[in-house]
Amino acid sequence: MKILLTGATGYIGKRLLPLLLSEGHEVICCVRDLERFQKPNGIRGENVTPIEVDFLNRESLRKIPKDIDAAYYLIHSMSSSAVYKELELQCASNFKDQLNKTEVNHVIYLSGIANQQPLSNHLESRLKVEKILNQGLYHFTALRAGIIIGSGSASFEIIRDLVEKLPVMIAPKWLKTKCQPIAIIDVLSMLIKTLNHPETFNKNFDIGSPDILTYKQMLMEYARVRNLKRIILTVPVMTPKLSSYWLYFVTSTSYKLATALVESMKVEVTCRNNTINTILDHSPISYNQALKRTFSAIESNAIVSSWKDSLISGRISEDLSEFINVPTFGCFKDKRQRSFQNRESCIKKLWSIGGDTGWYYGNFLWRIRGTMDKLSGGVGLRRGRTNPNQINSGDVVDFWRVIYANQEEGRLLLFAEMKLPGEAWLDFQISDNQLIQTATFRPKGIAGRLYWYAVLPFHGIIFTGLIKKLTEK
């Protein structure tokens, strides 16, 4: 079948794509920025075609082929923008109208469990999107999930941060809220099995594991699996804002996402029934099994996608292509170059930079800068990186965003997502047997210029040491 996949660079889309291709389908991937799209390893290129579309721009949707058989709608927003709900509804409406002009038979939407009133703003928005999509001239199925447990998922990363870092937690009362988590492997399996299944047409289903747990129970089960002793005390009063700050400072989540999650965590997300399990002949695994599978993926560095690589986790909200041309006018630059003896060794070090590997020189200074950024409301260093050895455009590396990465060309370009009075790029380029390392800063006003001169002495230490380590044999 010819399948349209939206959200192809997102957490779910990245994992669903290779599964669809392995089933023999031809997949048309809708992406907002072609720079961020990477074909799965070991997959023939002729079976996957990326197209650059913006669902807020009706004209761009004309690129969608007319002869598609089915489509997945995996576009979600966890933005705290005041107009995000209107934007989500507009995207859904444009998508529905365009697909009505195609031959599509079945559309599948991954939504959120919405059984308790009142709903959070984000769950309410998911439900409204579902209603719009259900009005199309095609068969429609909505799979409603709660907390998704898998390597790189926002929910799992928050649970891991809390339990691993805090022996004793004084937590908000929403830790007593019940939820029904589901493993990422089950979500993907159900998305695949639902495809063109007549018994799922024009219906919505809740999907979840066999376990109904409070958030506190989920944290304690994580601790038990990890053989950690943890004490959790809940307090009756903790404002949403304070709860958001609590999540933000303790975990690797952004403040925007923390705010959205706190609001949603007040609402119980448990399944109405398990009818879908019978229809699809599928038995979801338990929360305990989901945790163990996730640890296995992490230990083997088999993390396919992570929420941290989504643009909402940082400063960039538009296309990466807007940042690929490093400016020169009105900028400060720190440019250094050094010869190396082994190109392969230099590339390997570059593609392993950040995360657990660190920055090769002056790591304590990088950590201080990360702490300062976190305290000022920035992302800090806690995002790390998804894979310790691979880098693709759009990925996160600590408080940097990968704008361009090409090993054959020998170039790695990073854009700073820390809080700055300006914009900053860190560019690595290999020319012959030379590594050229350029830090560029475009200041905003007098504050930006003062900032540059304040950190200039530290640049001399950090950047000199960095390029020396990168070029050593």
Protein backbone atom coordinates (compact mmCIF):
# COMPACT_ATOMS: atom_id res chain seq x y z
CA MET A 1 0.00 0.00 0.00
CA LYS A 2 0.96 3.62 -0.47
CA ILE A 3 0.87 5.26 2.93
CA LEU A 4 1.12 8.90 3.95
CA LEU A 5 3.02 9.37 7.22
CA THR A 6 2.81 12.74 8.95
CA GLY A 7 5.11 13.59 11.84
CA ALA A 8 7.80 11.41 10.25
CA THR A 9 10.60 13.10 12.20
CA GLY A 10 8.76 12.87 15.53
CA TYR A 11 9.08 10.37 18.36
CA ILE A 12 6.42 7.95 17.04
CA GLY A 13 6.92 8.63 13.34
CA LYS A 14 10.62 7.80 13.38
CA ARG A 15 9.85 4.39 14.89
CA LEU A 16 6.80 3.65 12.76
CA LEU A 17 8.50 4.37 9.42
CA PRO A 18 10.92 1.38 9.34
CA LEU A 19 8.11 -0.94 10.46
CA LEU A 20 5.87 0.18 7.60
CA LEU A 21 8.73 -0.24 5.14
CA SER A 22 9.53 -3.71 6.47
CA GLU A 23 5.89 -4.65 5.79
CA GLY A 24 6.49 -3.80 2.14
CA HIS A 25 4.56 -0.51 2.04
CA GLU A 26 5.55 2.56 0.07
CA VAL A 27 5.68 5.50 2.45
CA ILE A 28 5.31 9.20 1.67
CA CYS A 29 6.78 11.12 4.62
CA CYS A 30 5.43 14.58 5.38
CA VAL A 31 8.07 16.75 7.05
CA ARG A 32 8.21 20.46 7.67
CA ASP A 33 11.97 20.56 7.14
CA LEU A 34 13.76 18.17 4.77
CA GLU A 35 17.02 18.88 6.61
CA ARG A 36 15.70 16.90 9.58
CA PHE A 37 14.65 13.81 7.64
CA GLN A 38 16.91 10.76 7.65
CA LYS A 39 16.08 7.54 5.86
CA PRO A 40 16.23 4.49 8.18
CA ASN A 41 19.46 2.50 7.96
CA GLY A 42 19.34 -0.56 5.71
CA ILE A 43 16.13 0.54 3.97
CA ARG A 44 15.88 0.85 0.18
CA GLY A 45 15.45 4.46 -0.83
CA GLU A 46 12.87 3.85 -3.55
CA ASN A 47 10.20 2.84 -1.01
CA VAL A 48 10.29 6.09 0.95
CA THR A 49 9.73 9.61 -0.36
CA PRO A 50 9.96 12.71 1.86
CA ILE A 51 7.91 15.76 0.92
CA GLU A 52 8.22 19.16 2.61
CA VAL A 53 4.81 20.43 3.69
CA ASP A 54 3.44 22.81 6.28
CA PHE A 55 -0.06 21.88 7.43
CA LEU A 56 -0.78 25.52 8.18
CA ASN A 57 -0.10 26.28 4.50
CA ARG A 58 -2.80 24.83 2.25
CA GLU A 59 -0.74 25.43 -0.90
CA SER A 60 2.09 23.20 0.32
CA LEU A 61 -0.36 20.31 0.85
CA ARG A 62 -0.81 19.99 -2.90
CA LYS A 63 2.42 17.97 -2.86
CA ILE A 64 0.52 15.09 -1.23
CA PRO A 65 -0.06 12.39 -3.90
CA LYS A 66 -3.65 11.65 -4.91
CA ASP A 67 -3.16 7.86 -5.05
CA ILE A 68 -2.46 7.18 -1.36
CA ASP A 69 -4.28 4.26 0.27
CA ALA A 70 -3.97 5.16 3.95
CA ALA A 71 -2.56 7.88 6.21
CA TYR A 72 -1.27 8.30 9.76
CA TYR A 73 -1.86 11.63 11.50
CA LEU A 74 0.87 11.94 14.14
CA ILE A 75 1.03 15.72 14.48
CA HIS A 76 0.90 16.92 18.07
CA SER A 77 1.91 20.03 19.96
CA MET A 78 2.87 20.41 23.62
CA SER A 79 3.49 24.11 23.19
CA SER A 80 2.48 26.59 25.85
CA SER A 81 1.66 29.16 23.16
CA ALA A 82 -1.64 30.91 23.72
CA VAL A 83 -2.78 30.00 20.21
CA TYR A 84 -1.51 26.42 19.94
CA LYS A 85 -5.04 24.98 20.11
CA GLU A 86 -6.19 27.11 17.19
CA LEU A 87 -3.10 26.07 15.21
CA GLU A 88 -3.70 22.37 15.93
CA LEU A 89 -7.30 22.64 14.75
CA GLN A 90 -6.25 24.50 11.60
CA CYS A 91 -3.65 21.82 10.78
CA ALA A 92 -6.24 19.06 11.23
CA SER A 93 -8.81 20.88 9.10
CA ASN A 94 -6.32 21.50 6.29
CA PHE A 95 -5.20 17.87 6.42
CA LYS A 96 -8.79 16.59 6.25
CA ASP A 97 -9.70 18.87 3.34
CA GLN A 98 -6.64 17.84 1.34
CA LEU A 99 -7.14 14.13 1.94
CA ASN A 100 -10.73 14.45 0.77
CA LYS A 101 -9.21 15.17 -2.65
CA THR A 102 -7.24 11.89 -2.64
CA GLU A 103 -8.11 8.19 -2.92
CA VAL A 104 -7.29 7.51 0.75
CA ASN A 105 -9.39 4.77 2.36
CA HIS A 106 -8.27 4.87 6.00
CA VAL A 107 -6.84 7.53 8.33
CA ILE A 108 -5.39 6.63 11.74
CA TYR A 109 -4.84 9.18 14.49
CA LEU A 110 -2.88 8.65 17.71
CA SER A 111 -4.74 10.68 20.31
CA GLY A 112 -4.91 10.86 24.11
CA ILE A 113 -7.22 9.13 26.57
CA ALA A 114 -10.04 11.57 27.35
CA ASN A 115 -12.52 9.95 29.73
CA GLN A 116 -12.43 12.26 32.75
CA GLN A 117 -13.89 15.76 32.91
CA PRO A 118 -12.67 18.41 32.97
CA LEU A 119 -9.89 17.64 30.49
CA SER A 120 -6.57 19.44 30.42
CA ASN A 121 -6.13 21.95 27.60
CA HIS A 122 -3.90 19.57 25.66
CA LEU A 123 -6.20 16.56 25.99
CA GLU A 124 -9.16 18.73 25.03
CA SER A 125 -7.26 19.87 21.95
CA ARG A 126 -6.51 16.25 21.00
CA LEU A 127 -10.22 15.44 21.23
CA LYS A 128 -11.20 18.39 19.04
CA VAL A 129 -8.60 17.39 16.44
CA GLU A 130 -10.05 13.87 16.50
CA LYS A 131 -13.56 15.21 15.79
CA ILE A 132 -12.33 17.23 12.82
CA LEU A 133 -10.46 14.29 11.31
CA ASN A 134 -13.54 12.11 11.78
CA GLN A 135 -15.48 14.34 9.38
CA GLY A 136 -13.44 13.35 6.33
CA LEU A 137 -14.59 11.30 3.31
CA TYR A 138 -12.64 8.23 4.46
CA HIS A 139 -12.72 5.60 7.19
CA PHE A 140 -11.25 6.95 10.42
CA THR A 141 -9.77 5.33 13.53
CA ALA A 142 -8.49 7.05 16.67
CA LEU A 143 -6.22 5.17 19.08
CA ARG A 144 -6.15 6.97 22.41
CA ALA A 145 -3.06 6.41 24.56
CA GLY A 146 -2.01 7.68 27.96
CA ILE A 147 1.57 7.56 29.24
CA ILE A 148 3.90 5.95 26.67
CA ILE A 149 6.85 4.06 28.12
CA GLY A 150 9.88 3.63 25.88
CA SER A 151 13.46 4.75 25.43
CA GLY A 152 13.47 8.45 24.68
CA SER A 153 9.81 9.10 25.53
CA ALA A 154 9.19 12.23 27.59
CA SER A 155 7.26 10.27 30.23
CA PHE A 156 9.97 7.67 30.70
CA GLU A 157 12.76 10.24 30.79
CA ILE A 158 10.96 12.21 33.50
CA ILE A 159 10.38 9.07 35.58
CA ARG A 160 14.05 8.10 35.16
CA ASP A 161 15.33 11.55 36.12
CA LEU A 162 13.16 11.72 39.24
CA VAL A 163 13.97 8.25 40.55
CA GLU A 164 17.66 8.17 39.64
CA LYS A 165 18.41 11.62 41.07
CA LEU A 166 16.23 11.91 44.18
CA PRO A 167 16.50 9.40 47.05
CA VAL A 168 13.76 11.36 48.82
CA MET A 169 11.01 13.19 46.93
CA ILE A 170 8.58 15.76 48.28
CA ALA A 171 6.09 15.64 45.47
CA PRO A 172 2.80 17.30 44.43
CA LYS A 173 -0.51 15.58 45.15
CA TRP A 174 -0.99 14.75 41.46
CA LEU A 175 1.33 11.80 42.05
CA LYS A 176 -1.82 10.09 43.37
CA THR A 177 -3.55 10.44 39.97
CA LYS A 178 -4.24 7.13 38.25
CA CYS A 179 -3.05 6.33 34.75
CA GLN A 180 -2.74 3.31 32.47
CA PRO A 181 0.67 3.39 30.78
CA ILE A 182 1.47 1.53 27.59
CA ALA A 183 4.78 0.36 26.10
CA ILE A 184 5.97 1.98 22.89
CA ILE A 185 6.22 -1.48 21.29
CA ASP A 186 2.49 -1.96 21.86
CA VAL A 187 1.62 1.47 20.47
CA LEU A 188 3.55 0.72 17.28
CA SER A 189 2.11 -2.77 16.95
CA MET A 190 -1.44 -1.48 17.29
CA LEU A 191 -0.82 1.31 14.77
CA ILE A 192 0.36 -1.31 12.28
CA LYS A 193 -2.40 -3.85 12.97
CA THR A 194 -5.14 -1.20 12.79
CA LEU A 195 -4.16 -0.28 9.23
CA ASN A 196 -7.13 -0.98 6.91
CA HIS A 197 -8.74 -3.27 9.52
CA PRO A 198 -12.53 -3.06 8.83
CA GLU A 199 -13.51 -3.66 12.47
CA THR A 200 -11.67 -0.49 13.52
CA PHE A 201 -13.28 1.77 10.92
CA ASN A 202 -15.06 4.90 12.19
CA LYS A 203 -14.37 4.14 15.85
CA ASN A 204 -12.08 5.26 18.67
CA PHE A 205 -10.31 2.99 21.13
CA ASP A 206 -8.37 3.44 24.37
CA ILE A 207 -5.07 1.54 24.43
CA GLY A 208 -3.11 0.69 27.56
CA SER A 209 -1.23 -1.98 29.48
CA PRO A 210 -3.02 -4.32 31.93
CA ASP A 211 -1.83 -2.10 34.81
CA ILE A 212 -3.70 0.85 36.33
CA LEU A 213 -1.20 2.72 38.51
CA THR A 214 -0.77 6.05 40.24
CA TYR A 215 2.21 8.12 39.20
CA LYS A 216 3.70 7.37 42.62
CA GLN A 217 3.35 3.64 42.02
CA MET A 218 5.04 4.04 38.65
CA LEU A 219 7.99 5.81 40.27
CA MET A 220 8.27 3.17 43.01
CA GLU A 221 8.09 0.31 40.48
CA TYR A 222 10.89 1.94 38.51
CA ALA A 223 12.93 2.12 41.72
CA ARG A 224 12.22 -1.56 42.45
CA VAL A 225 13.32 -2.65 38.97
CA ARG A 226 16.50 -0.61 39.37
CA ASN A 227 17.09 -1.90 42.94
CA LEU A 228 16.94 1.62 44.35
CA LYS A 229 15.49 2.59 47.73
CA ARG A 230 13.32 5.66 47.38
CA ILE A 231 10.99 7.60 49.69
CA ILE A 232 8.17 9.68 48.22
CA LEU A 233 6.19 12.14 50.33
CA THR A 234 3.22 13.94 48.77
CA VAL A 235 2.12 17.35 49.94
CA PRO A 236 -1.52 18.53 49.66
CA VAL A 237 -0.67 21.96 48.30
CA MET A 238 1.71 22.73 45.46
CA THR A 239 0.68 25.22 42.82
CA PRO A 240 0.85 24.23 39.13
CA LYS A 241 3.61 26.78 38.59
CA LEU A 242 5.66 25.40 41.48
CA SER A 243 5.06 21.86 40.23
CA SER A 244 6.26 22.88 36.77
CA TYR A 245 9.43 24.39 38.21
CA TRP A 246 9.93 21.23 40.27
CA LEU A 247 9.84 19.07 37.13
CA TYR A 248 11.92 21.56 35.16
CA PHE A 249 14.82 21.76 37.60
CA VAL A 250 14.94 18.07 38.54
CA THR A 251 14.37 16.51 35.13
CA SER A 252 15.62 17.11 31.59
CA THR A 253 12.27 18.45 30.37
CA SER A 254 11.85 21.98 29.09
CA TYR A 255 9.72 24.38 31.11
CA LYS A 256 7.12 24.55 28.32
CA LEU A 257 6.73 20.79 28.35
CA ALA A 258 6.78 20.65 32.15
CA THR A 259 3.88 23.11 32.30
CA ALA A 260 1.83 21.07 29.82
CA LEU A 261 2.59 17.79 31.59
CA VAL A 262 1.66 19.10 35.05
CA GLU A 263 -1.70 20.24 33.73
CA SER A 264 -2.33 16.84 32.10
CA MET A 265 -1.16 14.84 35.12
CA LYS A 266 -4.09 16.08 37.16
CA VAL A 267 -6.45 14.14 34.88
CA GLU A 268 -6.92 10.37 35.22
CA VAL A 269 -6.06 8.58 31.97
CA THR A 270 -7.40 5.03 32.24
CA CYS A 271 -8.94 2.93 29.48
CA ARG A 272 -12.70 2.41 29.12
CA ASN A 273 -12.33 -1.17 27.86
CA ASN A 274 -9.93 -3.47 26.03
CA THR A 275 -12.09 -4.17 22.96
CA ILE A 276 -9.23 -3.21 20.64
CA ASN A 277 -7.05 -5.99 22.10
CA THR A 278 -9.60 -8.59 20.98
CA ILE A 279 -10.11 -7.04 17.55
CA LEU A 280 -6.38 -6.91 16.86
CA ASP A 281 -5.58 -10.11 18.74
CA HIS A 282 -2.98 -8.23 20.74
CA SER A 283 -1.97 -8.50 24.40
CA PRO A 284 -0.10 -5.41 25.67
CA ILE A 285 2.81 -6.06 28.03
CA SER A 286 2.85 -4.91 31.65
CA TYR A 287 4.45 -1.72 32.96
CA ASN A 288 7.20 -3.82 34.56
CA GLN A 289 7.97 -5.51 31.23
CA ALA A 290 7.91 -2.16 29.45
CA LEU A 291 10.54 -0.81 31.85
CA LYS A 292 12.80 -3.82 31.35
CA ARG A 293 12.54 -3.58 27.56
CA THR A 294 13.36 0.12 27.75
CA PHE A 295 16.47 -0.49 29.87
CA SER A 296 17.58 -3.10 27.36
CA ALA A 297 17.27 -0.61 24.49
CA ILE A 298 19.20 2.03 26.43
CA GLU A 299 22.02 -0.34 27.38
CA SER A 300 22.46 -1.44 23.76
CA ASN A 301 22.32 2.17 22.45
CA ALA A 302 19.26 1.21 20.38
CA ILE A 303 17.32 4.44 21.00
CA VAL A 304 15.63 5.20 17.68
CA SER A 305 14.05 8.52 18.66
CA SER A 306 13.76 10.83 21.64
CA TRP A 307 11.39 13.66 22.62
CA LYS A 308 14.51 15.74 23.35
CA ASP A 309 15.19 15.99 19.62
CA SER A 310 11.81 17.62 19.00
CA LEU A 311 12.01 21.35 18.37
CA ILE A 312 9.78 22.08 21.36
CA SER A 313 12.60 20.98 23.67
CA GLY A 314 14.69 23.99 22.68
CA ARG A 315 14.89 27.43 21.18
CA ILE A 316 14.27 26.74 17.50
CA SER A 317 10.64 26.65 16.44
CA GLU A 318 11.10 27.01 12.68
CA ASP A 319 13.03 25.21 9.94
CA LEU A 320 16.67 24.32 10.57
CA SER A 321 17.50 25.73 7.13
CA GLU A 322 17.01 29.23 8.53
CA PHE A 323 20.09 28.72 10.71
CA ILE A 324 22.40 26.88 8.30
CA ASN A 325 23.89 30.05 6.81
CA VAL A 326 26.08 31.38 9.60
CA PRO A 327 25.99 35.21 9.50
CA THR A 328 29.10 37.35 9.22
CA PHE A 329 27.92 40.97 9.46
CA GLY A 330 27.83 42.38 13.00
CA CYS A 331 29.17 39.17 14.52
CA PHE A 332 32.00 38.22 16.83
CA LYS A 333 34.07 35.18 15.83
CA ASP A 334 36.56 32.87 17.50
CA LYS A 335 38.26 30.92 14.70
CA ARG A 336 40.95 28.32 15.25
CA GLN A 337 42.48 25.65 13.03
CA ARG A 338 44.82 22.79 13.67
CA SER A 339 46.32 19.92 11.67
CA PHE A 340 45.46 16.31 12.40
CA GLN A 341 47.11 13.03 11.45
CA ASN A 342 44.03 10.84 11.22
CA ARG A 343 40.81 12.10 9.63
CA GLU A 344 38.76 9.10 10.77
CA SER A 345 39.80 9.65 14.39
CA CYS A 346 38.91 13.35 14.21
CA ILE A 347 35.48 12.63 12.69
CA LYS A 348 34.78 9.94 15.29
CA LYS A 349 35.51 12.38 18.12
CA LEU A 350 33.37 15.09 16.53
CA TRP A 351 30.41 12.73 16.09
CA SER A 352 30.70 11.61 19.75
CA ILE A 353 30.89 15.09 21.28
CA GLY A 354 28.66 16.04 24.19
CA GLY A 355 26.35 13.87 26.27
CA ASP A 356 28.17 11.26 28.36
CA THR A 357 31.35 11.77 26.31
CA GLY A 358 31.59 15.41 27.34
CA TRP A 359 33.45 18.19 25.56
CA TYR A 360 36.95 16.71 25.79
CA TYR A 361 38.45 19.68 27.62
CA GLY A 362 37.31 21.87 30.51
CA ASN A 363 34.18 19.81 31.16
CA PHE A 364 33.72 21.44 34.55
CA LEU A 365 33.45 24.82 32.80
CA TRP A 366 30.82 23.40 30.42
CA ARG A 367 28.91 22.06 33.44
CA ILE A 368 29.04 25.45 35.15
CA ARG A 369 27.70 27.08 31.98
CA GLY A 370 24.95 24.46 31.81
CA THR A 371 23.95 25.08 35.42
CA MET A 372 23.85 28.84 34.85
CA ASP A 373 21.66 28.29 31.81
CA LYS A 374 19.26 26.04 33.71
CA LEU A 375 18.93 28.56 36.54
CA SER A 376 18.13 31.30 34.04
CA GLY A 377 15.36 29.25 32.43
CA GLY A 378 17.37 27.62 29.65
CA VAL A 379 17.74 23.98 28.66
CA GLY A 380 21.05 23.36 30.45
CA LEU A 381 23.12 20.24 29.72
CA ARG A 382 20.56 17.68 30.89
CA ARG A 383 19.18 16.84 27.46
CA GLY A 384 22.42 15.06 26.58
CA ARG A 385 22.08 13.26 23.26
CA THR A 386 19.96 10.40 21.91
CA ASN A 387 22.73 8.21 20.48
CA PRO A 388 26.36 8.33 21.69
CA ASN A 389 27.83 7.68 18.24
CA GLN A 390 25.39 9.00 15.64
CA ILE A 391 24.36 12.58 14.86
CA ASN A 392 21.70 13.73 12.42
CA SER A 393 20.38 17.16 11.55
CA GLY A 394 17.83 18.25 14.12
CA ASP A 395 19.30 16.18 16.95
CA VAL A 396 20.08 17.64 20.35
CA VAL A 397 23.61 17.73 21.78
CA ASP A 398 23.36 19.13 25.32
CA PHE A 399 22.37 22.80 24.89
CA TRP A 400 23.13 22.78 21.15
CA ARG A 401 20.94 21.82 18.18
CA VAL A 402 22.53 20.04 15.21
CA ILE A 403 21.86 22.16 12.13
CA TYR A 404 24.04 20.22 9.69
CA ALA A 405 25.99 16.97 9.93
CA ASN A 406 27.85 15.35 7.04
CA GLN A 407 30.75 12.99 7.71
CA GLU A 408 31.83 12.70 4.06
CA GLU A 409 31.96 16.46 3.75
CA GLY A 410 33.53 16.72 7.20
CA ARG A 411 31.24 19.36 8.62
CA LEU A 412 29.27 19.61 11.85
CA LEU A 413 27.29 22.80 12.57
CA LEU A 414 25.65 23.44 15.94
CA PHE A 415 23.31 26.23 17.02
CA ALA A 416 23.15 27.29 20.68
CA GLU A 417 19.82 26.82 22.46
CA MET A 418 20.99 28.14 25.82
CA LYS A 419 19.72 31.49 27.08
CA LEU A 420 21.82 34.15 25.40
CA PRO A 421 21.61 37.88 24.61
CA GLY A 422 22.06 36.94 20.96
CA GLU A 423 22.57 33.90 18.72
CA ALA A 424 25.55 31.53 18.63
CA TRP A 425 26.87 28.89 16.23
CA LEU A 426 29.73 26.39 16.65
CA ASP A 427 31.03 25.19 13.29
CA PHE A 428 33.51 22.37 12.65
CA GLN A 429 34.86 21.95 9.11
CA ILE A 430 37.55 19.67 7.77
CA SER A 431 39.66 20.95 4.90
CA ASP A 432 42.48 18.71 3.69
CA ASN A 433 44.26 17.73 6.91
CA GLN A 434 43.04 20.73 8.89
CA LEU A 435 40.16 21.05 11.35
CA ILE A 436 38.69 24.55 11.29
CA GLN A 437 36.69 25.38 14.41
CA THR A 438 34.64 28.60 14.38
CA ALA A 439 32.47 30.00 17.16
CA THR A 440 30.18 32.78 15.90
CA PHE A 441 28.11 35.08 18.10
CA ARG A 442 25.59 37.61 16.81
CA PRO A 443 24.86 39.94 19.76
CA LYS A 444 21.57 41.65 20.51
CA GLY A 445 22.16 45.14 21.84
CA ILE A 446 24.72 46.25 24.39
CA ALA A 447 23.97 43.23 26.62
CA GLY A 448 25.13 40.89 23.87
CA ARG A 449 28.38 42.76 23.39
CA LEU A 450 29.08 42.83 27.11
CA TYR A 451 28.38 39.10 27.29
CA TRP A 452 30.88 38.32 24.52
CA TYR A 453 33.71 40.23 26.18
CA ALA A 454 32.85 38.69 29.57
CA VAL A 455 33.22 35.12 28.28
CA LEU A 456 36.15 35.83 25.93
CA PRO A 457 38.84 34.72 28.45
CA PHE A 458 37.02 31.40 28.95
CA HIS A 459 36.74 30.90 25.19
CA GLY A 460 40.51 31.10 24.98
CA ILE A 461 40.77 28.23 27.43
CA ILE A 462 37.87 26.04 26.27
CA PHE A 463 38.16 26.37 22.50
CA THR A 464 41.95 25.99 22.45
CA GLY A 465 41.72 22.83 24.52
CA LEU A 466 38.76 21.51 22.49
CA ILE A 467 40.40 21.70 19.07
CA LYS A 468 43.63 20.26 20.47
CA LYS A 469 41.80 17.20 21.85
CA LEU A 470 39.79 16.73 18.65
CA THR A 471 42.92 16.65 16.48
CA GLU A 472 45.06 14.46 18.71
CA LYS A 473 45.74 11.00 17.30
